[in-house]
PDB file of N, CA and C in Angstrom:
ATOM      1  N   MET A   1       7.687 -11.740 -41.242  1.00  0.00           N
ATOM      2  CA  MET A   1       7.915 -10.548 -41.095  1.00  0.00           C
ATOM      3  C   MET A   1       8.128 -10.154 -39.464  1.00  0.00           C
ATOM      4  N   LEU A   2       7.227 -10.677 -38.818  1.00  0.00           N
ATOM      5  CA  LEU A   2       7.473 -10.559 -37.303  1.00  0.00           C
ATOM      6  C   LEU A   2       8.927 -10.839 -36.797  1.00  0.00           C
ATOM      7  N   THR A   3       9.195 -12.133 -37.076  1.00  0.00           N
ATOM      8  CA  THR A   3      10.417 -12.806 -36.909  1.00  0.00           C
ATOM      9  C   THR A   3      11.723 -12.184 -37.272  1.00  0.00           C
ATOM     10  N   ASP A   4      11.623 -11.288 -38.260  1.00  0.00           N
ATOM     11  CA  ASP A   4      12.614 -10.580 -38.880  1.00  0.00           C
ATOM     12  C   ASP A   4      12.817  -9.273 -37.789  1.00  0.00           C
ATOM     13  N   LEU A   5      11.666  -8.616 -37.613  1.00  0.00           N
ATOM     14  CA  LEU A   5      11.609  -7.794 -36.261  1.00  0.00           C
ATOM     15  C   LEU A   5      12.218  -8.151 -34.967  1.00  0.00           C
ATOM     16  N   VAL A   6      12.131  -9.379 -34.563  1.00  0.00           N
ATOM     17  CA  VAL A   6      12.615  -9.990 -33.516  1.00  0.00           C
ATOM     18  C   VAL A   6      14.109  -9.937 -33.692  1.00  0.00           C
ATOM     19  N   GLY A   7      14.695 -10.390 -34.891  1.00  0.00           N
ATOM     20  CA  GLY A   7      15.949 -10.560 -35.018  1.00  0.00           C
ATOM     21  C   GLY A   7      16.712  -9.293 -34.850  1.00  0.00           C
ATOM     22  N   VAL A   8      15.744  -8.115 -35.434  1.00  0.00           N
ATOM     23  CA  VAL A   8      16.592  -6.945 -35.456  1.00  0.00           C
ATOM     24  C   VAL A   8      16.871  -6.042 -34.004  1.00  0.00           C
ATOM     25  N   ILE A   9      15.406  -6.149 -33.367  1.00  0.00           N
ATOM     26  CA  ILE A   9      15.460  -5.457 -32.122  1.00  0.00           C
ATOM     27  C   ILE A   9      15.516  -6.252 -30.861  1.00  0.00           C
ATOM     28  N   GLY A  10      15.350  -7.687 -30.933  1.00  0.00           N
ATOM     29  CA  GLY A  10      15.848  -8.689 -29.994  1.00  0.00           C
ATOM     30  C   GLY A  10      14.509  -8.921 -29.192  1.00  0.00           C
ATOM     31  N   CYS A  11      13.437  -8.482 -29.369  1.00  0.00           N
ATOM     32  CA  CYS A  11      12.121  -8.873 -28.404  1.00  0.00           C
ATOM     33  C   CYS A  11      11.014  -8.344 -29.390  1.00  0.00           C
ATOM     34  N   VAL A  12       9.734  -9.048 -29.045  1.00  0.00           N
ATOM     35  CA  VAL A  12       8.323  -8.359 -29.423  1.00  0.00           C
ATOM     36  C   VAL A  12       7.825  -7.919 -27.936  1.00  0.00           C
ATOM     37  N   PHE A  13       7.206  -6.781 -28.369  1.00  0.00           N
ATOM     38  CA  PHE A  13       6.253  -6.041 -27.242  1.00  0.00           C
ATOM     39  C   PHE A  13       4.916  -6.692 -27.698  1.00  0.00           C
ATOM     40  N   ALA A  14       4.446  -7.078 -26.590  1.00  0.00           N
ATOM     41  CA  ALA A  14       2.622  -7.768 -26.340  1.00  0.00           C
ATOM     42  C   ALA A  14       1.917  -6.449 -26.469  1.00  0.00           C
ATOM     43  N   PRO A  15       1.066  -6.490 -27.245  1.00  0.00           N
ATOM     44  CA  PRO A  15       0.177  -5.160 -27.248  1.00  0.00           C
ATOM     45  C   PRO A  15      -0.623  -5.048 -25.839  1.00  0.00           C
ATOM     46  N   ALA A  16      -0.759  -3.480 -25.535  1.00  0.00           N
ATOM     47  CA  ALA A  16      -1.176  -3.182 -24.310  1.00  0.00           C
ATOM     48  C   ALA A  16      -2.702  -3.768 -24.258  1.00  0.00           C
ATOM     49  N   VAL A  17      -2.803  -4.122 -22.742  1.00  0.00           N
ATOM     50  CA  VAL A  17      -4.032  -4.466 -22.265  1.00  0.00           C
ATOM     51  C   VAL A  17      -4.948  -3.545 -22.286  1.00  0.00           C
ATOM     52  N   LYS A  18      -6.325  -3.809 -22.981  1.00  0.00           N
ATOM     53  CA  LYS A  18      -7.046  -2.785 -23.030  1.00  0.00           C
ATOM     54  C   LYS A  18      -8.000  -2.674 -21.576  1.00  0.00           C
ATOM     55  N   ARG A  19      -8.001  -1.700 -21.135  1.00  0.00           N
ATOM     56  CA  ARG A  19      -8.656  -1.594 -19.648  1.00  0.00           C
ATOM     57  C   ARG A  19      -9.851  -0.739 -19.881  1.00  0.00           C
ATOM     58  N   GLY A  20     -10.949  -0.800 -19.039  1.00  0.00           N
ATOM     59  CA  GLY A  20     -12.128  -0.363 -19.276  1.00  0.00           C
ATOM     60  C   GLY A  20     -11.800   1.261 -18.612  1.00  0.00           C
ATOM     61  N   ASN A  21     -12.743   2.110 -18.718  1.00  0.00           N
ATOM     62  CA  ASN A  21     -12.869   3.261 -18.201  1.00  0.00           C
ATOM     63  C   ASN A  21     -13.195   3.501 -16.857  1.00  0.00           C
ATOM     64  N   PRO A  22     -12.316   4.112 -15.887  1.00  0.00           N
ATOM     65  CA  PRO A  22     -12.524   4.184 -14.515  1.00  0.00           C
ATOM     66  C   PRO A  22     -14.181   5.030 -14.173  1.00  0.00           C
ATOM     67  N   VAL A  23     -14.829   4.578 -13.503  1.00  0.00           N
ATOM     68  CA  VAL A  23     -16.045   5.328 -13.068  1.00  0.00           C
ATOM     69  C   VAL A  23     -15.781   6.108 -11.948  1.00  0.00           C
ATOM     70  N   ALA A  24     -16.619   7.319 -11.841  1.00  0.00           N
ATOM     71  CA  ALA A  24     -16.566   8.132 -10.468  1.00  0.00           C
ATOM     72  C   ALA A  24     -17.381   7.516  -9.383  1.00  0.00           C
ATOM     73  N   VAL A  25     -16.880   7.477  -8.342  1.00  0.00           N
ATOM     74  CA  VAL A  25     -17.755   6.696  -7.112  1.00  0.00           C
ATOM     75  C   VAL A  25     -17.513   7.826  -6.021  1.00  0.00           C
ATOM     76  N   ASP A  26     -18.642   7.812  -5.168  1.00  0.00           N
ATOM     77  CA  ASP A  26     -18.558   8.823  -3.932  1.00  0.00           C
ATOM     78  C   ASP A  26     -18.146   7.741  -3.038  1.00  0.00           C
ATOM     79  N   VAL A  27     -17.072   8.126  -2.150  1.00  0.00           N
ATOM     80  CA  VAL A  27     -16.639   7.475  -0.984  1.00  0.00           C
ATOM     81  C   VAL A  27     -16.625   8.304   0.210  1.00  0.00           C
ATOM     82  N   LYS A  28     -17.402   7.530   1.179  1.00  0.00           N
ATOM     83  CA  LYS A  28     -17.786   8.254   2.557  1.00  0.00           C
ATOM     84  C   LYS A  28     -16.884   8.039   3.675  1.00  0.00           C
ATOM     85  N   ILE A  29     -16.120   9.021   4.102  1.00  0.00           N
ATOM     86  CA  ILE A  29     -15.288   8.790   4.932  1.00  0.00           C
ATOM     87  C   ILE A  29     -15.755   8.712   6.513  1.00  0.00           C
ATOM     88  N   PRO A  30     -15.251   7.940   7.584  1.00  0.00           N
ATOM     89  CA  PRO A  30     -15.517   8.009   8.614  1.00  0.00           C
ATOM     90  C   PRO A  30     -15.029   8.894   9.567  1.00  0.00           C
ATOM     91  N   THR A  31     -15.415   9.447  10.314  1.00  0.00           N
ATOM     92  CA  THR A  31     -15.001  10.593  11.239  1.00  0.00           C
ATOM     93  C   THR A  31     -13.667  10.389  11.758  1.00  0.00           C
ATOM     94  N   VAL A  32     -13.230   9.421  12.207  1.00  0.00           N
ATOM     95  CA  VAL A  32     -12.088   8.999  12.653  1.00  0.00           C
ATOM     96  C   VAL A  32     -11.122   9.401  11.657  1.00  0.00           C
ATOM     97  N   LEU A  33     -11.439   9.163  10.290  1.00  0.00           N
ATOM     98  CA  LEU A  33     -10.169   9.494   9.285  1.00  0.00           C
ATOM     99  C   LEU A  33     -10.313  10.407   8.480  1.00  0.00           C
ATOM    100  N   ARG A  34     -11.006  11.345   9.009  1.00  0.00           N
ATOM    101  CA  ARG A  34     -11.605  12.640   8.014  1.00  0.00           C
ATOM    102  C   ARG A  34     -10.327  13.442   8.363  1.00  0.00           C
ATOM    103  N   ALA A  35      -9.438  13.313   9.267  1.00  0.00           N
ATOM    104  CA  ALA A  35      -8.188  14.189   9.496  1.00  0.00           C
ATOM    105  C   ALA A  35      -7.220  14.007   8.438  1.00  0.00           C
ATOM    106  N   GLN A  36      -6.985  12.881   8.097  1.00  0.00           N
ATOM    107  CA  GLN A  36      -6.347  12.490   6.917  1.00  0.00           C
ATOM    108  C   GLN A  36      -6.958  12.789   5.555  1.00  0.00           C
ATOM    109  N   ALA A  37      -8.025  13.065   5.546  1.00  0.00           N
ATOM    110  CA  ALA A  37      -8.799  13.432   4.002  1.00  0.00           C
ATOM    111  C   ALA A  37      -9.136  14.872   4.021  1.00  0.00           C
ATOM    112  N   ASP A  38      -8.335  15.566   4.900  1.00  0.00           N
ATOM    113  CA  ASP A  38      -8.710  17.199   4.718  1.00  0.00           C
ATOM    114  C   ASP A  38      -9.908  17.474   5.219  1.00  0.00           C
ATOM    115  N   GLY A  39     -10.395  16.819   6.018  1.00  0.00           N
ATOM    116  CA  GLY A  39     -11.591  16.865   6.744  1.00  0.00           C
ATOM    117  C   GLY A  39     -12.693  16.751   6.008  1.00  0.00           C
ATOM    118  N   GLN A  40     -12.828  16.169   4.940  1.00  0.00           N
ATOM    119  CA  GLN A  40     -14.063  16.165   3.951  1.00  0.00           C
ATOM    120  C   GLN A  40     -14.647  14.670   4.743  1.00  0.00           C
ATOM    121  N   ALA A  41     -15.924  14.644   4.498  1.00  0.00           N
ATOM    122  CA  ALA A  41     -16.657  13.446   4.878  1.00  0.00           C
ATOM    123  C   ALA A  41     -17.055  12.742   3.760  1.00  0.00           C
ATOM    124  N   SER A  42     -16.991  13.235   2.461  1.00  0.00           N
ATOM    125  CA  SER A  42     -17.042  12.382   1.283  1.00  0.00           C
ATOM    126  C   SER A  42     -16.426  13.059   0.223  1.00  0.00           C
ATOM    127  N   VAL A  43     -15.631  12.016  -0.692  1.00  0.00           N
ATOM    128  CA  VAL A  43     -14.954  12.489  -1.690  1.00  0.00           C
ATOM    129  C   VAL A  43     -15.404  11.499  -3.011  1.00  0.00           C
ATOM    130  N   SER A  44     -15.088  12.503  -4.071  1.00  0.00           N
ATOM    131  CA  SER A  44     -15.292  11.573  -5.245  1.00  0.00           C
ATOM    132  C   SER A  44     -13.968  11.350  -5.855  1.00  0.00           C
ATOM    133  N   VAL A  45     -13.968   9.821  -6.283  1.00  0.00           N
ATOM    134  CA  VAL A  45     -12.734   9.544  -6.960  1.00  0.00           C
ATOM    135  C   VAL A  45     -13.203   8.234  -8.095  1.00  0.00           C
ATOM    136  N   ASP A  46     -12.235   7.762  -8.845  1.00  0.00           N
ATOM    137  CA  ASP A  46     -12.525   7.217 -10.012  1.00  0.00           C
ATOM    138  C   ASP A  46     -11.768   5.980  -9.480  1.00  0.00           C
ATOM    139  N   GLY A  47     -12.399   4.820 -10.246  1.00  0.00           N
ATOM    140  CA  GLY A  47     -11.663   3.358 -10.262  1.00  0.00           C
ATOM    141  C   GLY A  47     -12.701   2.374 -10.710  1.00  0.00           C
ATOM    142  N   GLU A  48     -12.291   1.368 -11.192  1.00  0.00           N
ATOM    143  CA  GLU A  48     -13.138   0.311 -11.785  1.00  0.00           C
ATOM    144  C   GLU A  48     -13.299  -0.641 -10.812  1.00  0.00           C
ATOM    145  N   THR A  49     -12.601  -0.714  -9.459  1.00  0.00           N
ATOM    146  CA  THR A  49     -12.823  -2.102  -8.568  1.00  0.00           C
ATOM    147  C   THR A  49     -12.369  -0.985  -7.203  1.00  0.00           C
ATOM    148  N   VAL A  50     -12.938  -1.317  -5.976  1.00  0.00           N
ATOM    149  CA  VAL A  50     -12.540  -0.930  -4.815  1.00  0.00           C
ATOM    150  C   VAL A  50     -11.167  -0.425  -4.697  1.00  0.00           C
ATOM    151  N   GLY A  51     -10.365  -1.944  -4.993  1.00  0.00           N
ATOM    152  CA  GLY A  51      -8.672  -1.463  -5.038  1.00  0.00           C
ATOM    153  C   GLY A  51      -8.273  -0.221  -5.836  1.00  0.00           C
ATOM    154  N   GLN A  52      -8.878   0.040  -6.961  1.00  0.00           N
ATOM    155  CA  GLN A  52      -8.469   1.132  -7.662  1.00  0.00           C
ATOM    156  C   GLN A  52      -8.885   2.251  -7.026  1.00  0.00           C
ATOM    157  N   VAL A  53      -9.878   2.373  -6.368  1.00  0.00           N
ATOM    158  CA  VAL A  53     -10.660   3.774  -5.616  1.00  0.00           C
ATOM    159  C   VAL A  53      -9.786   3.768  -4.329  1.00  0.00           C
ATOM    160  N   PHE A  54      -9.221   2.641  -3.634  1.00  0.00           N
ATOM    161  CA  PHE A  54      -8.291   2.833  -2.823  1.00  0.00           C
ATOM    162  C   PHE A  54      -6.938   3.690  -2.893  1.00  0.00           C
ATOM    163  N   ASP A  55      -6.631   3.317  -4.337  1.00  0.00           N
ATOM    164  CA  ASP A  55      -5.509   3.728  -4.874  1.00  0.00           C
ATOM    165  C   ASP A  55      -5.750   5.169  -5.068  1.00  0.00           C
ATOM    166  N   SER A  56      -6.853   5.581  -5.729  1.00  0.00           N
ATOM    167  CA  SER A  56      -7.176   6.794  -6.184  1.00  0.00           C
ATOM    168  C   SER A  56      -7.051   7.771  -4.597  1.00  0.00           C
ATOM    169  N   LEU A  57      -7.823   7.401  -3.689  1.00  0.00           N
ATOM    170  CA  LEU A  57      -8.014   7.892  -2.285  1.00  0.00           C
ATOM    171  C   LEU A  57      -6.468   8.045  -1.856  1.00  0.00           C
ATOM    172  N   ILE A  58      -5.666   7.068  -1.855  1.00  0.00           N
ATOM    173  CA  ILE A  58      -4.295   7.068  -1.347  1.00  0.00           C
ATOM    174  C   ILE A  58      -3.571   8.414  -1.961  1.00  0.00           C
ATOM    175  N   ALA A  59      -3.848   8.133  -3.263  1.00  0.00           N
ATOM    176  CA  ALA A  59      -3.221   9.329  -4.288  1.00  0.00           C
ATOM    177  C   ALA A  59      -3.311  10.820  -3.630  1.00  0.00           C
ATOM    178  N   LYS A  60      -4.684  11.051  -3.329  1.00  0.00           N
ATOM    179  CA  LYS A  60      -5.251  12.088  -2.983  1.00  0.00           C
ATOM    180  C   LYS A  60      -4.786  12.564  -1.376  1.00  0.00           C
ATOM    181  N   PHE A  61      -4.842  11.336  -0.724  1.00  0.00           N
ATOM    182  CA  PHE A  61      -4.670  11.858   0.788  1.00  0.00           C
ATOM    183  C   PHE A  61      -3.681  10.475   1.245  1.00  0.00           C
ATOM    184  N   PRO A  62      -2.186  10.753   1.238  1.00  0.00           N
ATOM    185  CA  PRO A  62      -1.463   9.651   1.548  1.00  0.00           C
ATOM    186  C   PRO A  62      -1.362   9.384   2.825  1.00  0.00           C
ATOM    187  N   GLY A  63      -1.710  10.149   3.679  1.00  0.00           N
ATOM    188  CA  GLY A  63      -2.065   9.820   5.334  1.00  0.00           C
ATOM    189  C   GLY A  63      -2.852   8.757   5.398  1.00  0.00           C
ATOM    190  N   ILE A  64      -3.802   8.404   4.933  1.00  0.00           N
ATOM    191  CA  ILE A  64      -5.117   7.707   4.758  1.00  0.00           C
ATOM    192  C   ILE A  64      -4.452   6.233   4.722  1.00  0.00           C
ATOM    193  N   LYS A  65      -3.380   5.916   3.982  1.00  0.00           N
ATOM    194  CA  LYS A  65      -3.135   4.524   3.749  1.00  0.00           C
ATOM    195  C   LYS A  65      -3.139   3.601   4.886  1.00  0.00           C
ATOM    196  N   PRO A  66      -2.267   3.957   6.029  1.00  0.00           N
ATOM    197  CA  PRO A  66      -2.223   2.774   7.019  1.00  0.00           C
ATOM    198  C   PRO A  66      -3.573   2.605   7.308  1.00  0.00           C
ATOM    199  N   ASN A  67      -4.588   3.245   7.449  1.00  0.00           N
ATOM    200  CA  ASN A  67      -5.727   2.945   7.923  1.00  0.00           C
ATOM    201  C   ASN A  67      -6.762   2.018   6.877  1.00  0.00           C
ATOM    202  N   LEU A  68      -6.145   2.054   5.753  1.00  0.00           N
ATOM    203  CA  LEU A  68      -6.933   1.154   4.502  1.00  0.00           C
ATOM    204  C   LEU A  68      -6.418  -0.257   4.227  1.00  0.00           C
ATOM    205  N   ILE A  69      -4.998  -0.128   4.120  1.00  0.00           N
ATOM    206  CA  ILE A  69      -4.176  -1.103   3.552  1.00  0.00           C
ATOM    207  C   ILE A  69      -3.120  -1.804   4.471  1.00  0.00           C
ATOM    208  N   GLY A  70      -3.431  -2.899   4.830  1.00  0.00           N
ATOM    209  CA  GLY A  70      -2.500  -3.780   5.829  1.00  0.00           C
ATOM    210  C   GLY A  70      -1.022  -3.881   5.193  1.00  0.00           C
ATOM    211  N   ASP A  71      -0.087  -4.513   6.180  1.00  0.00           N
ATOM    212  CA  ASP A  71       1.260  -4.756   5.963  1.00  0.00           C
ATOM    213  C   ASP A  71       1.251  -5.747   4.593  1.00  0.00           C
ATOM    214  N   ASP A  72       0.256  -6.412   4.363  1.00  0.00           N
ATOM    215  CA  ASP A  72       0.447  -7.517   3.218  1.00  0.00           C
ATOM    216  C   ASP A  72       0.046  -7.068   1.838  1.00  0.00           C
ATOM    217  N   GLY A  73      -0.371  -5.885   2.020  1.00  0.00           N
ATOM    218  CA  GLY A  73      -1.052  -4.999   0.639  1.00  0.00           C
ATOM    219  C   GLY A  73      -2.571  -5.583   0.548  1.00  0.00           C
ATOM    220  N   GLY A  74      -3.120  -6.149   1.314  1.00  0.00           N
ATOM    221  CA  GLY A  74      -4.872  -6.398   1.525  1.00  0.00           C
ATOM    222  C   GLY A  74      -5.424  -5.273   2.312  1.00  0.00           C
ATOM    223  N   MET A  75      -6.700  -5.413   2.383  1.00  0.00           N
ATOM    224  CA  MET A  75      -7.367  -4.574   3.089  1.00  0.00           C
ATOM    225  C   MET A  75      -7.206  -4.533   4.635  1.00  0.00           C
ATOM    226  N   HIS A  76      -7.163  -3.526   5.320  1.00  0.00           N
ATOM    227  CA  HIS A  76      -6.617  -3.553   6.511  1.00  0.00           C
ATOM    228  C   HIS A  76      -7.702  -4.300   7.459  1.00  0.00           C
ATOM    229  N   LYS A  77      -7.337  -5.103   8.394  1.00  0.00           N
ATOM    230  CA  LYS A  77      -7.997  -6.133   8.923  1.00  0.00           C
ATOM    231  C   LYS A  77      -9.087  -5.557   9.919  1.00  0.00           C
ATOM    232  N   PHE A  78      -9.030  -4.192  10.078  1.00  0.00           N
ATOM    233  CA  PHE A  78      -9.809  -3.445  11.326  1.00  0.00           C
ATOM    234  C   PHE A  78     -10.596  -2.128  10.548  1.00  0.00           C
ATOM    235  N   VAL A  79     -10.902  -2.249   9.158  1.00  0.00           N
ATOM    236  CA  VAL A  79     -11.673  -1.640   8.683  1.00  0.00           C
ATOM    237  C   VAL A  79     -12.810  -2.449   7.614  1.00  0.00           C
ATOM    238  N   ASN A  80     -13.987  -1.932   7.681  1.00  0.00           N
ATOM    239  CA  ASN A  80     -15.051  -2.663   6.840  1.00  0.00           C
ATOM    240  C   ASN A  80     -15.451  -1.650   6.264  1.00  0.00           C
ATOM    241  N   VAL A  81     -15.573  -2.124   4.494  1.00  0.00           N
ATOM    242  CA  VAL A  81     -15.906  -1.487   3.477  1.00  0.00           C
ATOM    243  C   VAL A  81     -17.050  -1.926   2.727  1.00  0.00           C
ATOM    244  N   TYR A  82     -18.016  -1.161   2.418  1.00  0.00           N
ATOM    245  CA  TYR A  82     -19.356  -1.424   1.796  1.00  0.00           C
ATOM    246  C   TYR A  82     -19.433  -0.821   0.355  1.00  0.00           C
ATOM    247  N   VAL A  83     -19.994  -1.470  -0.721  1.00  0.00           N
ATOM    248  CA  VAL A  83     -20.311  -0.710  -1.964  1.00  0.00           C
ATOM    249  C   VAL A  83     -21.781  -0.834  -1.863  1.00  0.00           C
ATOM    250  N   ASN A  84     -22.311   0.242  -1.843  1.00  0.00           N
ATOM    251  CA  ASN A  84     -23.816   0.642  -1.495  1.00  0.00           C
ATOM    252  C   ASN A  84     -24.092  -0.047  -0.174  1.00  0.00           C
ATOM    253  N   ASP A  85     -24.679  -1.222  -0.361  1.00  0.00           N
ATOM    254  CA  ASP A  85     -25.026  -1.698   1.263  1.00  0.00           C
ATOM    255  C   ASP A  85     -24.389  -3.268   1.123  1.00  0.00           C
ATOM    256  N   ASP A  86     -23.562  -3.528   0.179  1.00  0.00           N
ATOM    257  CA  ASP A  86     -23.039  -4.851   0.405  1.00  0.00           C
ATOM    258  C   ASP A  86     -21.498  -4.718   1.039  1.00  0.00           C
ATOM    259  N   ASP A  87     -21.231  -5.585   1.715  1.00  0.00           N
ATOM    260  CA  ASP A  87     -19.867  -5.698   2.437  1.00  0.00           C
ATOM    261  C   ASP A  87     -18.996  -6.681   1.465  1.00  0.00           C
ATOM    262  N   ILE A  88     -17.974  -5.929   1.106  1.00  0.00           N
ATOM    263  CA  ILE A  88     -17.017  -6.340   0.098  1.00  0.00           C
ATOM    264  C   ILE A  88     -16.546  -7.827   0.497  1.00  0.00           C
ATOM    265  N   ARG A  89     -16.420  -7.921   1.849  1.00  0.00           N
ATOM    266  CA  ARG A  89     -15.689  -9.054   2.288  1.00  0.00           C
ATOM    267  C   ARG A  89     -16.516 -10.414   1.551  1.00  0.00           C
ATOM    268  N   TYR A  90     -17.648 -10.295   1.430  1.00  0.00           N
ATOM    269  CA  TYR A  90     -18.759 -11.234   0.855  1.00  0.00           C
ATOM    270  C   TYR A  90     -18.655 -11.091  -0.706  1.00  0.00           C
ATOM    271  N   LEU A  91     -18.116 -10.195  -1.402  1.00  0.00           N
ATOM    272  CA  LEU A  91     -18.038  -9.937  -2.756  1.00  0.00           C
ATOM    273  C   LEU A  91     -16.658 -10.654  -3.169  1.00  0.00           C
ATOM    274  N   GLU A  92     -16.097  -9.720  -3.640  1.00  0.00           N
ATOM    275  CA  GLU A  92     -14.540 -10.102  -4.393  1.00  0.00           C
ATOM    276  C   GLU A  92     -13.631  -9.233  -3.762  1.00  0.00           C
ATOM    277  N   LYS A  93     -13.944  -8.551  -2.458  1.00  0.00           N
ATOM    278  CA  LYS A  93     -13.047  -7.914  -1.737  1.00  0.00           C
ATOM    279  C   LYS A  93     -12.546  -6.665  -2.422  1.00  0.00           C
ATOM    280  N   LEU A  94     -11.087  -6.276  -2.579  1.00  0.00           N
ATOM    281  CA  LEU A  94     -10.620  -5.200  -3.391  1.00  0.00           C
ATOM    282  C   LEU A  94     -10.691  -5.124  -4.576  1.00  0.00           C
ATOM    283  N   GLU A  95     -11.057  -6.382  -5.446  1.00  0.00           N
ATOM    284  CA  GLU A  95     -11.322  -6.545  -6.839  1.00  0.00           C
ATOM    285  C   GLU A  95     -12.882  -6.253  -6.932  1.00  0.00           C
ATOM    286  N   THR A  96     -13.764  -5.900  -6.154  1.00  0.00           N
ATOM    287  CA  THR A  96     -15.023  -5.744  -6.370  1.00  0.00           C
ATOM    288  C   THR A  96     -15.266  -4.886  -7.280  1.00  0.00           C
ATOM    289  N   LYS A  97     -15.979  -5.205  -8.184  1.00  0.00           N
ATOM    290  CA  LYS A  97     -16.074  -4.027  -9.751  1.00  0.00           C
ATOM    291  C   LYS A  97     -17.103  -3.054  -9.236  1.00  0.00           C
ATOM    292  N   LEU A  98     -17.207  -1.672  -9.653  1.00  0.00           N
ATOM    293  CA  LEU A  98     -17.743  -0.728  -9.242  1.00  0.00           C
ATOM    294  C   LEU A  98     -18.554  -0.038 -10.751  1.00  0.00           C
ATOM    295  N   GLU A  99     -19.710   0.462 -10.591  1.00  0.00           N
ATOM    296  CA  GLU A  99     -20.469   1.186 -11.389  1.00  0.00           C
ATOM    297  C   GLU A  99     -20.423   2.593 -11.140  1.00  0.00           C
ATOM    298  N   ALA A 100     -20.721   3.499 -12.255  1.00  0.00           N
ATOM    299  CA  ALA A 100     -21.006   5.040 -11.964  1.00  0.00           C
ATOM    300  C   ALA A 100     -21.956   5.131 -10.884  1.00  0.00           C
ATOM    301  N   GLY A 101     -21.762   5.807 -10.064  1.00  0.00           N
ATOM    302  CA  GLY A 101     -22.728   6.164  -9.134  1.00  0.00           C
ATOM    303  C   GLY A 101     -23.035   5.382  -7.943  1.00  0.00           C
ATOM    304  N   ASP A 102     -22.071   4.549  -7.946  1.00  0.00           N
ATOM    305  CA  ASP A 102     -21.756   3.315  -6.575  1.00  0.00           C
ATOM    306  C   ASP A 102     -21.370   4.412  -5.546  1.00  0.00           C
ATOM    307  N   THR A 103     -21.686   4.027  -4.179  1.00  0.00           N
ATOM    308  CA  THR A 103     -21.099   4.584  -3.049  1.00  0.00           C
ATOM    309  C   THR A 103     -20.199   3.545  -2.582  1.00  0.00           C
ATOM    310  N   VAL A 104     -18.898   4.119  -1.989  1.00  0.00           N
ATOM    311  CA  VAL A 104     -18.095   3.029  -1.303  1.00  0.00           C
ATOM    312  C   VAL A 104     -18.057   3.634   0.275  1.00  0.00           C
ATOM    313  N   THR A 105     -18.582   2.874   1.305  1.00  0.00           N
ATOM    314  CA  THR A 105     -18.626   3.423   2.553  1.00  0.00           C
ATOM    315  C   THR A 105     -17.412   2.402   3.400  1.00  0.00           C
ATOM    316  N   ILE A 106     -16.467   3.587   3.833  1.00  0.00           N
ATOM    317  CA  ILE A 106     -15.364   2.948   4.664  1.00  0.00           C
ATOM    318  C   ILE A 106     -15.693   3.135   6.355  1.00  0.00           C
ATOM    319  N   LEU A 107     -15.926   2.136   6.977  1.00  0.00           N
ATOM    320  CA  LEU A 107     -16.260   2.209   8.327  1.00  0.00           C
ATOM    321  C   LEU A 107     -15.155   1.549   9.199  1.00  0.00           C
ATOM    322  N   PRO A 108     -14.793   2.037  10.604  1.00  0.00           N
ATOM    323  CA  PRO A 108     -13.400   1.273  11.160  1.00  0.00           C
ATOM    324  C   PRO A 108     -14.429   0.299  11.813  1.00  0.00           C
ATOM    325  N   ALA A 109     -13.762  -0.892  12.222  1.00  0.00           N
ATOM    326  CA  ALA A 109     -14.141  -1.990  12.844  1.00  0.00           C
ATOM    327  C   ALA A 109     -14.479  -1.511  14.196  1.00  0.00           C
ATOM    328  N   VAL A 110     -15.634  -2.183  15.142  1.00  0.00           N
ATOM    329  CA  VAL A 110     -15.403  -1.737  16.411  1.00  0.00           C
ATOM    330  C   VAL A 110     -15.656  -3.072  17.136  1.00  0.00           C
ATOM    331  N   ALA A 111     -14.502  -3.105  18.061  1.00  0.00           N
ATOM    332  CA  ALA A 111     -14.492  -4.690  18.802  1.00  0.00           C
ATOM    333  C   ALA A 111     -13.827  -4.127  20.186  1.00  0.00           C
ATOM    334  N   GLY A 112     -13.707  -5.039  20.991  1.00  0.00           N
ATOM    335  CA  GLY A 112     -13.227  -5.336  22.345  1.00  0.00           C
ATOM    336  C   GLY A 112     -14.130  -4.218  23.365  1.00  0.00           C
ATOM    337  N   GLY A 113     -13.485  -4.024  24.459  1.00  0.00           N
ATOM    338  CA  GLY A 113     -14.026  -3.257  25.619  1.00  0.00           C
ATOM    339  C   GLY A 113     -14.728  -4.212  26.778  1.00  0.00           C
ATOM    340  N   ALA A 114     -14.931  -3.503  27.659  1.00  0.00           N
ATOM    341  CA  ALA A 114     -15.482  -4.475  28.871  1.00  0.00           C
ATOM    342  C   ALA A 114     -16.572  -3.572  29.754  1.00  0.00           C
ATOM    343  N   ILE A 115     -17.509  -4.441  29.906  1.00  0.00           N
ATOM    344  CA  ILE A 115     -18.635  -3.866  30.748  1.00  0.00           C
ATOM    345  C   ILE A 115     -18.287  -3.583  32.307  1.00  0.00           C
TER     346      ILE A 115
END
């Protein structure tokens, strides 16, 4: 039967991949990025992973993207991101899984300077 359909329509569509339900997480915005987030110190967005939370955050506040995502599409090198108290660089980076009630904290990296 399936081969008959292939002959009629010329292709077979794969079933949709079932995705989990996005969870609401609280994102803490540092002072230096609040201007791009309508002055908010904290926002609630949905996502199953840190990357999806970033996508949701960027959809709400497009001006924040250059501060979160680098030219290569990965996390910007001058930003530190924590899920609860864990640095995502030592977890699964943007693929770090989230649970309802988690807090994602964005912190700008501090470097350089002279004494």
